[in-house]
Amino acid sequence: FHGKPPLKLTTNRFKELIGLGKYHQYLNYFYGITTEEVLGKIVNSTSTLSESVERERKRSWDLAPEFKPQA
């Protein structure tokens, strides 16, 4: 299973087969999973970006220590 259904169905046919109630539940699940994946990627990329910025900040302080904030 690679995130794709085994059959090619139109949205309307899929909705007819499982019924309107289950279709709404499917959409809630699908949107929830999609949103969770996107948020996870954002958090990971933000974390990586923050680490990169911090490394560059420290590197620049090594090159110009006079600009390093005093503790």
N, C-alpha and C. Protein backbone atom coordinates (compact mmCIF):
# COMPACT_ATOMS: atom_id res chain seq x y z
N PHE A 1 0.85 -1.19 0.00
CA PHE A 1 0.00 0.00 0.00
C PHE A 1 0.88 1.23 0.00
N HIS A 2 0.71 2.08 -0.97
CA HIS A 2 1.54 3.27 -1.12
C HIS A 2 0.72 4.54 -1.08
N GLY A 3 -0.28 4.58 -0.24
CA GLY A 3 -1.11 5.77 -0.12
C GLY A 3 -2.07 5.95 -1.28
N LYS A 4 -2.27 4.91 -2.05
CA LYS A 4 -3.19 4.99 -3.19
C LYS A 4 -4.17 3.83 -3.10
N PRO A 5 -5.43 4.08 -3.43
CA PRO A 5 -6.41 2.99 -3.40
C PRO A 5 -6.12 1.96 -4.50
N PRO A 6 -6.55 0.71 -4.29
CA PRO A 6 -6.29 -0.33 -5.29
C PRO A 6 -7.12 -0.17 -6.57
N LEU A 7 -8.20 0.60 -6.49
CA LEU A 7 -9.06 0.83 -7.66
C LEU A 7 -9.12 2.31 -7.97
N LYS A 8 -9.26 2.63 -9.24
CA LYS A 8 -9.47 4.03 -9.63
C LYS A 8 -10.97 4.29 -9.63
N LEU A 9 -11.40 5.15 -8.72
CA LEU A 9 -12.82 5.50 -8.61
C LEU A 9 -12.95 7.02 -8.64
N THR A 10 -14.04 7.49 -9.21
CA THR A 10 -14.32 8.91 -9.12
C THR A 10 -14.75 9.22 -7.69
N THR A 11 -14.68 10.47 -7.32
CA THR A 11 -15.10 10.88 -5.99
C THR A 11 -16.56 10.51 -5.75
N ASN A 12 -17.40 10.79 -6.74
CA ASN A 12 -18.83 10.48 -6.58
C ASN A 12 -19.09 8.99 -6.43
N ARG A 13 -18.39 8.17 -7.20
CA ARG A 13 -18.59 6.71 -7.11
C ARG A 13 -18.13 6.20 -5.75
N PHE A 14 -16.99 6.69 -5.28
CA PHE A 14 -16.48 6.30 -3.97
C PHE A 14 -17.49 6.67 -2.88
N LYS A 15 -18.04 7.88 -2.99
CA LYS A 15 -19.03 8.35 -2.03
C LYS A 15 -20.29 7.47 -2.06
N GLU A 16 -20.71 7.09 -3.25
CA GLU A 16 -21.88 6.20 -3.38
C GLU A 16 -21.62 4.84 -2.73
N LEU A 17 -20.43 4.31 -2.94
CA LEU A 17 -20.12 2.97 -2.43
C LEU A 17 -20.06 2.91 -0.91
N ILE A 18 -19.49 3.94 -0.27
CA ILE A 18 -19.34 3.86 1.19
C ILE A 18 -20.42 4.63 1.94
N GLY A 19 -21.18 5.45 1.26
CA GLY A 19 -22.24 6.22 1.91
C GLY A 19 -21.72 7.56 2.40
N LEU A 20 -22.65 8.49 2.53
CA LEU A 20 -22.30 9.87 2.87
C LEU A 20 -21.66 9.99 4.26
N GLY A 21 -22.20 9.26 5.24
CA GLY A 21 -21.65 9.34 6.60
C GLY A 21 -20.20 8.88 6.66
N LYS A 22 -19.93 7.72 6.07
CA LYS A 22 -18.56 7.21 6.07
C LYS A 22 -17.65 8.08 5.22
N TYR A 23 -18.20 8.66 4.16
CA TYR A 23 -17.39 9.53 3.31
C TYR A 23 -16.92 10.75 4.11
N HIS A 24 -17.80 11.32 4.91
CA HIS A 24 -17.41 12.46 5.75
C HIS A 24 -16.35 12.04 6.77
N GLN A 25 -16.50 10.84 7.33
CA GLN A 25 -15.49 10.34 8.27
C GLN A 25 -14.15 10.14 7.56
N TYR A 26 -14.21 9.62 6.34
CA TYR A 26 -13.00 9.44 5.54
C TYR A 26 -12.31 10.78 5.31
N LEU A 27 -13.09 11.79 4.93
CA LEU A 27 -12.50 13.11 4.68
C LEU A 27 -11.87 13.67 5.95
N ASN A 28 -12.54 13.53 7.09
CA ASN A 28 -11.97 14.00 8.36
C ASN A 28 -10.64 13.31 8.64
N TYR A 29 -10.61 12.00 8.45
CA TYR A 29 -9.38 11.23 8.67
C TYR A 29 -8.29 11.69 7.70
N PHE A 30 -8.64 11.78 6.41
CA PHE A 30 -7.67 12.16 5.38
C PHE A 30 -7.10 13.55 5.65
N TYR A 31 -7.95 14.52 5.94
CA TYR A 31 -7.48 15.87 6.21
C TYR A 31 -6.65 15.92 7.49
N GLY A 32 -7.05 15.14 8.49
CA GLY A 32 -6.30 15.10 9.74
C GLY A 32 -4.90 14.56 9.53
N ILE A 33 -4.78 13.45 8.79
CA ILE A 33 -3.48 12.85 8.52
C ILE A 33 -2.63 13.80 7.68
N THR A 34 -3.23 14.39 6.65
CA THR A 34 -2.50 15.31 5.79
C THR A 34 -1.99 16.50 6.58
N THR A 35 -2.84 17.07 7.41
CA THR A 35 -2.45 18.22 8.23
C THR A 35 -1.34 17.84 9.19
N GLU A 36 -1.45 16.68 9.81
CA GLU A 36 -0.42 16.22 10.75
C GLU A 36 0.93 16.05 10.05
N GLU A 37 0.92 15.49 8.85
CA GLU A 37 2.17 15.31 8.10
C GLU A 37 2.79 16.66 7.75
N VAL A 38 1.97 17.60 7.31
CA VAL A 38 2.48 18.93 6.95
C VAL A 38 3.06 19.62 8.18
N LEU A 39 2.35 19.58 9.29
CA LEU A 39 2.86 20.21 10.51
C LEU A 39 4.16 19.57 10.97
N GLY A 40 4.25 18.25 10.85
CA GLY A 40 5.50 17.56 11.20
C GLY A 40 6.65 18.02 10.35
N LYS A 41 6.42 18.18 9.05
CA LYS A 41 7.48 18.66 8.16
C LYS A 41 7.87 20.09 8.48
N ILE A 42 6.89 20.93 8.82
CA ILE A 42 7.18 22.31 9.17
C ILE A 42 8.02 22.36 10.44
N VAL A 43 7.65 21.59 11.45
CA VAL A 43 8.40 21.58 12.71
C VAL A 43 9.82 21.10 12.46
N ASN A 44 9.98 20.03 11.68
CA ASN A 44 11.32 19.51 11.40
C ASN A 44 12.15 20.52 10.62
N SER A 45 11.57 21.16 9.62
CA SER A 45 12.34 22.12 8.84
C SER A 45 12.65 23.36 9.66
N THR A 46 11.73 23.78 10.54
CA THR A 46 11.99 24.92 11.40
C THR A 46 13.10 24.61 12.38
N SER A 47 13.09 23.40 12.92
CA SER A 47 14.14 22.98 13.85
C SER A 47 15.49 22.97 13.14
N THR A 48 15.53 22.42 11.94
CA THR A 48 16.76 22.37 11.16
C THR A 48 17.22 23.78 10.82
N LEU A 49 16.28 24.64 10.45
CA LEU A 49 16.62 26.02 10.12
C LEU A 49 17.17 26.73 11.35
N SER A 50 16.55 26.55 12.50
CA SER A 50 17.02 27.19 13.73
C SER A 50 18.43 26.74 14.07
N GLU A 51 18.70 25.45 13.90
CA GLU A 51 20.04 24.93 14.17
C GLU A 51 21.05 25.53 13.21
N SER A 52 20.69 25.67 11.94
CA SER A 52 21.58 26.26 10.94
C SER A 52 21.87 27.72 11.26
N VAL A 53 20.83 28.45 11.64
CA VAL A 53 21.01 29.87 11.99
C VAL A 53 21.93 30.00 13.20
N GLU A 54 21.73 29.16 14.20
CA GLU A 54 22.57 29.21 15.41
C GLU A 54 24.02 28.89 15.08
N ARG A 55 24.26 27.89 14.23
CA ARG A 55 25.64 27.57 13.82
C ARG A 55 26.29 28.75 13.11
N GLU A 56 25.54 29.39 12.21
CA GLU A 56 26.09 30.53 11.48
C GLU A 56 26.35 31.71 12.41
N ARG A 57 25.47 31.91 13.38
CA ARG A 57 25.65 33.00 14.35
C ARG A 57 26.94 32.77 15.14
N LYS A 58 27.14 31.55 15.62
CA LYS A 58 28.35 31.24 16.38
C LYS A 58 29.59 31.39 15.51
N ARG A 59 29.50 30.96 14.25
CA ARG A 59 30.63 31.08 13.34
C ARG A 59 30.97 32.55 13.10
N SER A 60 29.95 33.38 12.96
CA SER A 60 30.21 34.80 12.73
C SER A 60 30.82 35.45 13.96
N TRP A 61 30.44 34.98 15.16
CA TRP A 61 31.05 35.52 16.38
C TRP A 61 32.51 35.14 16.47
N ASP A 62 32.86 33.96 15.96
CA ASP A 62 34.26 33.56 15.94
C ASP A 62 35.06 34.45 14.99
N LEU A 63 34.43 34.87 13.90
CA LEU A 63 35.11 35.73 12.93
C LEU A 63 35.18 37.17 13.41
N ALA A 64 34.19 37.62 14.16
CA ALA A 64 34.15 39.01 14.64
C ALA A 64 33.69 39.01 16.10
N PRO A 65 34.58 38.62 17.03
CA PRO A 65 34.17 38.49 18.44
C PRO A 65 33.70 39.79 19.07
N GLU A 66 34.07 40.92 18.49
CA GLU A 66 33.64 42.20 19.08
C GLU A 66 32.13 42.40 19.00
N PHE A 67 31.46 41.65 18.13
CA PHE A 67 30.01 41.76 18.00
C PHE A 67 29.26 40.73 18.84
N LYS A 68 29.98 39.86 19.52
CA LYS A 68 29.33 38.82 20.33
C LYS A 68 28.67 39.46 21.53
N PRO A 69 27.40 39.13 21.81
CA PRO A 69 26.72 39.70 22.98
C PRO A 69 27.43 39.29 24.27
N GLN A 70 27.45 40.21 25.20
CA GLN A 70 28.07 39.93 26.50
C GLN A 70 27.08 39.18 27.39
N ALA A 71 27.58 38.19 28.10
CA ALA A 71 26.72 37.39 28.97
C ALA A 71 26.42 38.11 30.26
